[in-house]
Amino acid sequence: MGVRYEGEVYLFDCGEGTQRQMMKYKLSYAKTKAIFITHLHADHYLGIAGLCHTLHMIGRKDILTVYGPRGTVRRMEGLGCNYEFLRVEEVGEGVVYKGEGFSVRAFPVEHGRNALGYVLEEDERRNFEKEKCDRFGIKGVMFRELERKGEVEVEGRAVKIEEVTKPKKGKKIVYSGDTRACRRVEEEAKGADLLIHEGTFGEDRREEADEREHSTVADAAELARRAGAKRLIITHISNRYGKVDELLKEARKAFDKAEIAKDGMEIMLK
């Protein structure tokens, strides 16, 4: 999954062929700022080698940081990723990245040892309320000063930004990685604008899903419903399924805003 935010690109897992897909669907690999790896199965990180080689060829200088669970450093060394611009950080639970206006935090999921999910969440913002601004005489460059300093002087009185604005919760994206449906993902997904959750199997392979610590599409949908997520994209469908129509029906029995991911899918959160 790739997230474009304020002109920069953030990748969540980077399987083989990621670079090719980014080129095909016009997601700039040159603007990739960070990569967040959920776990160390090859299909979630092998694409980093090719991506880094291309970035080296075009003269990349800016730091590219790969965040992943314990063991990530050794895996990157195994790929021959010894480029000067590459940094690798092994992370656990908690905030792992702080960007301009948002953060990314990791949390444990249930898929073997050390597997992680991630939450990308915007900082809380404040919206100006026109009626209050008019009452205090806020106009013109005063808005910019309020945003920068937190207060502005109007006719000898200090007006604080809290007096003329109201808080607005930032957007929230939750990415489960590979996992069985578990309480921790549900907790992190509370009120999410977008939940991206794996659904490797249908109910016809329930036993296999449980044994391999994967979710069914119905598991993902039921979790999204309980969490109150606004939208669900189901990923990681097994290639044993040629068509996904029946899987989508299974999911929508529990959550009517469920969708199955497909190549090139683009979602705009406003």
Protein backbone atom coordinates (compact mmCIF):
# COMPACT_ATOMS: atom_id res chain seq x y z
CA MET A 1 0.00 0.00 0.00
CA GLY A 2 1.21 3.50 -0.80
CA VAL A 3 0.02 6.71 0.85
CA ARG A 4 0.59 10.06 -0.81
CA TYR A 5 0.60 12.88 1.78
CA GLU A 6 1.57 16.48 1.06
CA GLY A 7 3.60 15.43 -1.96
CA GLU A 8 5.55 12.67 -0.20
CA VAL A 9 5.01 8.91 -0.52
CA TYR A 10 4.90 6.41 2.34
CA LEU A 11 4.86 2.67 1.64
CA PHE A 12 3.34 0.06 3.92
CA ASP A 13 5.05 -3.21 2.98
CA CYS A 14 7.05 -3.47 -0.22
CA GLY A 15 6.67 -6.77 -2.01
CA GLU A 16 8.38 -7.86 -5.19
CA GLY A 17 7.21 -5.75 -8.14
CA THR A 18 6.28 -2.74 -6.03
CA GLN A 19 8.47 -0.41 -8.09
CA ARG A 20 6.85 -1.55 -11.33
CA GLN A 21 3.37 -0.98 -9.92
CA MET A 22 4.35 2.47 -8.66
CA MET A 23 5.51 3.42 -12.14
CA LYS A 24 2.39 1.98 -13.75
CA TYR A 25 0.01 3.83 -11.45
CA LYS A 26 2.05 7.05 -11.17
CA LEU A 27 3.04 6.86 -7.51
CA SER A 28 6.47 8.49 -7.45
CA TYR A 29 9.18 6.18 -6.11
CA ALA A 30 11.56 9.16 -6.13
CA LYS A 31 9.37 10.85 -3.50
CA THR A 32 9.22 7.83 -1.21
CA LYS A 33 10.05 9.08 2.28
CA ALA A 34 9.65 5.97 4.44
CA ILE A 35 8.71 2.31 4.25
CA PHE A 36 6.88 0.50 7.07
CA ILE A 37 7.26 -3.30 7.08
CA THR A 38 4.68 -5.34 8.98
CA HIS A 39 6.57 -8.64 9.19
CA LEU A 40 9.44 -10.50 7.63
CA HIS A 41 7.79 -12.84 5.17
CA ALA A 42 9.45 -12.31 1.80
CA ASP A 43 6.34 -11.10 -0.02
CA HIS A 44 6.27 -8.07 2.27
CA TYR A 45 9.81 -6.76 1.83
CA LEU A 46 11.60 -8.18 -1.23
CA GLY A 47 10.70 -5.16 -3.36
CA ILE A 48 12.93 -2.90 -1.29
CA ALA A 49 16.08 -4.12 -3.05
CA GLY A 50 14.90 -3.17 -6.53
CA LEU A 51 13.48 0.13 -5.35
CA CYS A 52 16.72 1.11 -3.62
CA HIS A 53 18.79 0.15 -6.65
CA THR A 54 16.69 2.42 -8.85
CA LEU A 55 16.91 5.27 -6.34
CA HIS A 56 20.70 4.83 -6.29
CA MET A 57 20.80 4.95 -10.10
CA ILE A 58 18.95 8.29 -10.16
CA GLY A 59 21.27 9.75 -7.53
CA ARG A 60 19.14 9.62 -4.41
CA LYS A 61 20.62 11.71 -1.59
CA ASP A 62 17.70 12.19 0.82
CA ILE A 63 17.40 9.62 3.59
CA LEU A 64 14.95 6.77 3.04
CA THR A 65 14.08 5.00 6.29
CA VAL A 66 12.75 1.47 6.52
CA TYR A 67 10.89 0.71 9.75
CA GLY A 68 10.20 -2.89 10.66
CA PRO A 69 10.07 -5.46 13.48
CA ARG A 70 13.06 -7.10 15.13
CA GLY A 71 15.20 -8.83 12.48
CA THR A 72 14.65 -6.20 9.77
CA VAL A 73 18.27 -5.01 9.82
CA ARG A 74 19.56 -8.50 9.09
CA ARG A 75 17.05 -9.02 6.27
CA MET A 76 18.03 -5.73 4.62
CA GLU A 77 21.69 -6.71 4.85
CA GLY A 78 20.78 -9.99 3.19
CA LEU A 79 19.27 -8.06 0.28
CA GLY A 80 22.50 -6.12 -0.21
CA CYS A 81 20.81 -2.84 0.70
CA ASN A 82 23.95 -0.98 1.78
CA TYR A 83 23.20 2.36 0.12
CA GLU A 84 24.26 5.54 1.92
CA PHE A 85 20.77 7.03 1.74
CA LEU A 86 19.12 3.98 3.40
CA ARG A 87 18.44 3.82 7.13
CA VAL A 88 16.85 0.81 8.82
CA GLU A 89 15.17 1.01 12.21
CA GLU A 90 13.75 -1.91 14.13
CA VAL A 91 10.64 -0.85 16.00
CA GLY A 92 8.06 -2.11 18.44
CA GLU A 93 4.81 -0.76 19.75
CA GLY A 94 4.31 3.01 19.77
CA VAL A 95 4.93 6.05 17.57
CA VAL A 96 7.67 5.23 15.08
CA TYR A 97 7.49 8.22 12.74
CA LYS A 98 6.46 11.86 13.10
CA GLY A 99 5.78 13.78 9.90
CA GLU A 100 4.55 17.28 9.20
CA GLY A 101 0.99 17.16 10.53
CA PHE A 102 0.72 13.40 11.12
CA SER A 103 2.29 10.43 12.84
CA VAL A 104 2.63 6.69 12.28
CA ARG A 105 2.47 4.28 15.18
CA ALA A 106 2.96 0.54 15.31
CA PHE A 107 1.00 -2.06 17.27
CA PRO A 108 1.30 -5.84 17.64
CA VAL A 109 -0.90 -8.20 15.62
CA GLU A 110 -1.32 -11.97 15.65
CA HIS A 111 0.73 -13.49 12.84
CA GLY A 112 3.80 -15.31 14.05
CA ARG A 113 6.48 -13.48 16.03
CA ASN A 114 6.89 -9.70 16.07
CA ALA A 115 4.28 -8.93 13.39
CA LEU A 116 3.01 -5.35 13.38
CA GLY A 117 0.14 -3.27 12.13
CA TYR A 118 0.34 0.49 11.60
CA VAL A 119 -1.87 3.53 12.14
CA LEU A 120 -1.30 6.70 10.14
CA GLU A 121 -3.17 9.53 11.85
CA GLU A 122 -3.28 13.24 11.20
CA ASP A 123 -2.79 15.66 14.07
CA GLU A 124 -5.90 17.34 15.39
CA ARG A 125 -6.60 20.59 13.59
CA ARG A 126 -8.67 23.64 14.39
CA ASN A 127 -11.28 25.20 12.11
CA PHE A 128 -12.09 28.89 12.32
CA GLU A 129 -15.70 29.71 13.19
CA LYS A 130 -16.83 32.68 11.13
CA GLU A 131 -19.34 34.05 13.63
CA LYS A 132 -16.79 34.11 16.45
CA CYS A 133 -14.08 35.59 14.22
CA ASP A 134 -16.43 38.38 13.14
CA ARG A 135 -17.38 39.09 16.74
CA PHE A 136 -13.74 39.48 17.78
CA GLY A 137 -12.80 41.40 14.64
CA ILE A 138 -10.45 38.77 13.26
CA LYS A 139 -9.63 39.42 9.59
CA GLY A 140 -6.91 39.39 6.97
CA VAL A 141 -3.41 38.50 8.15
CA MET A 142 -4.70 37.94 11.69
CA PHE A 143 -5.72 34.39 10.71
CA ARG A 144 -2.18 33.49 9.76
CA GLU A 145 -0.81 35.04 12.94
CA LEU A 146 -3.28 33.08 15.04
CA GLU A 147 -2.22 29.83 13.37
CA ARG A 148 1.46 30.64 13.83
CA LYS A 149 1.47 32.12 17.36
CA GLY A 150 -1.74 30.80 18.89
CA GLU A 151 -3.02 34.30 19.68
CA VAL A 152 -3.36 37.76 18.16
CA GLU A 153 -3.95 41.23 19.60
CA VAL A 154 -7.15 42.95 18.50
CA GLU A 155 -7.84 46.47 19.80
CA GLY A 156 -5.67 45.89 22.85
CA ARG A 157 -7.12 42.47 23.69
CA ALA A 158 -5.29 39.14 23.23
CA VAL A 159 -7.54 36.70 21.40
CA LYS A 160 -6.48 33.05 21.68
CA ILE A 161 -7.00 30.61 18.86
CA GLU A 162 -9.19 28.39 21.08
CA GLU A 163 -11.70 31.26 21.35
CA VAL A 164 -12.44 31.44 17.63
CA THR A 165 -11.94 27.86 16.45
CA LYS A 166 -13.24 24.39 17.08
CA PRO A 167 -11.18 21.17 17.02
CA LYS A 168 -11.34 18.89 14.00
CA LYS A 169 -10.13 15.33 14.27
CA GLY A 170 -7.55 14.33 11.65
CA LYS A 171 -7.95 11.47 9.19
CA LYS A 172 -7.01 7.99 10.36
CA ILE A 173 -5.83 5.02 8.28
CA VAL A 174 -5.24 1.62 9.86
CA TYR A 175 -3.23 -1.07 8.06
CA SER A 176 -3.41 -4.53 9.61
CA GLY A 177 -0.68 -6.36 7.73
CA ASP A 178 -1.10 -10.14 7.92
CA THR A 179 -3.00 -11.24 10.99
CA ARG A 180 -5.90 -13.21 12.30
CA ALA A 181 -8.73 -10.90 13.34
CA CYS A 182 -7.77 -9.80 16.82
CA ARG A 183 -8.84 -7.42 19.55
CA ARG A 184 -5.83 -5.13 19.12
CA VAL A 185 -6.61 -4.35 15.49
CA GLU A 186 -10.21 -3.68 16.47
CA GLU A 187 -9.10 -1.26 19.18
CA GLU A 188 -6.75 0.62 16.84
CA ALA A 189 -9.42 0.77 14.12
CA LYS A 190 -12.02 2.51 16.30
CA GLY A 191 -13.57 5.25 14.18
CA ALA A 192 -10.98 4.86 11.41
CA ASP A 193 -11.70 6.67 8.17
CA LEU A 194 -10.13 3.74 6.34
CA LEU A 195 -9.30 0.24 7.57
CA ILE A 196 -7.11 -1.88 5.30
CA HIS A 197 -7.35 -5.41 6.61
CA GLU A 198 -6.20 -8.70 5.21
CA GLY A 199 -8.76 -11.30 4.21
CA THR A 200 -6.77 -14.16 2.72
CA PHE A 201 -9.57 -16.72 2.60
CA GLY A 202 -13.30 -17.19 2.36
CA GLU A 203 -15.27 -19.21 4.88
CA ASP A 204 -14.65 -22.29 2.76
CA ARG A 205 -11.09 -22.28 4.12
CA ARG A 206 -11.83 -21.33 7.71
CA GLU A 207 -9.66 -24.07 9.20
CA GLU A 208 -6.67 -23.09 7.07
CA ALA A 209 -7.12 -19.41 7.98
CA ASP A 210 -7.04 -20.25 11.69
CA GLU A 211 -4.02 -22.55 11.36
CA ARG A 212 -1.99 -20.00 9.38
CA GLU A 213 -3.03 -16.99 11.47
CA HIS A 214 -4.86 -15.27 8.65
CA SER A 215 -8.33 -13.74 8.47
CA THR A 216 -11.26 -14.59 6.28
CA VAL A 217 -13.03 -11.78 4.48
CA ALA A 218 -15.92 -12.22 6.91
CA ASP A 219 -13.52 -11.83 9.84
CA ALA A 220 -12.25 -8.53 8.42
CA ALA A 221 -15.76 -7.25 7.78
CA GLU A 222 -17.06 -8.17 11.23
CA LEU A 223 -14.06 -6.47 12.83
CA ALA A 224 -14.65 -3.31 10.77
CA ARG A 225 -18.29 -3.26 11.84
CA ARG A 226 -17.46 -3.61 15.52
CA ALA A 227 -14.75 -0.95 15.30
CA GLY A 228 -17.06 1.54 13.63
CA ALA A 229 -14.69 2.04 10.69
CA LYS A 230 -16.07 4.21 7.93
CA ARG A 231 -14.65 2.13 5.11
CA LEU A 232 -12.95 -1.25 4.70
CA ILE A 233 -10.57 -2.40 1.98
CA ILE A 234 -9.78 -6.13 2.11
CA THR A 235 -6.34 -7.15 0.86
CA HIS A 236 -4.09 -10.23 0.57
CA ILE A 237 -6.71 -12.41 -1.15
CA SER A 238 -5.28 -15.86 -1.86
CA ASN A 239 -4.54 -16.47 -5.55
CA ARG A 240 -6.58 -19.65 -5.22
CA TYR A 241 -9.61 -17.45 -5.80
CA GLY A 242 -10.00 -16.51 -9.44
CA LYS A 243 -12.99 -14.23 -8.92
CA VAL A 244 -13.80 -12.24 -5.81
CA ASP A 245 -17.56 -11.75 -6.26
CA GLU A 246 -18.50 -14.41 -3.71
CA LEU A 247 -15.88 -13.17 -1.26
CA LEU A 248 -17.28 -9.66 -1.51
CA LYS A 249 -20.77 -11.00 -0.79
CA GLU A 250 -19.46 -12.76 2.31
CA ALA A 251 -17.85 -9.57 3.54
CA ARG A 252 -20.85 -7.34 2.89
CA LYS A 253 -23.13 -9.56 4.93
CA ALA A 254 -21.33 -8.10 7.97
CA PHE A 255 -20.22 -4.69 6.67
CA ASP A 256 -21.80 -3.06 3.64
CA LYS A 257 -18.91 -0.62 3.13
CA ALA A 258 -16.45 -3.44 2.48
CA GLU A 259 -14.50 -3.53 -0.77
CA ILE A 260 -11.92 -5.90 -2.21
CA ALA A 261 -8.59 -4.29 -3.12
CA LYS A 262 -7.51 -4.33 -6.76
CA ASP A 263 -4.46 -3.14 -8.63
CA GLY A 264 -4.43 0.60 -9.15
CA MET A 265 -7.20 1.30 -6.64
CA GLU A 266 -6.96 4.92 -5.50
CA ILE A 267 -8.83 6.36 -2.52
CA MET A 268 -9.00 10.05 -1.66
CA LEU A 269 -9.71 10.91 1.97
CA LYS A 270 -11.12 14.42 2.33
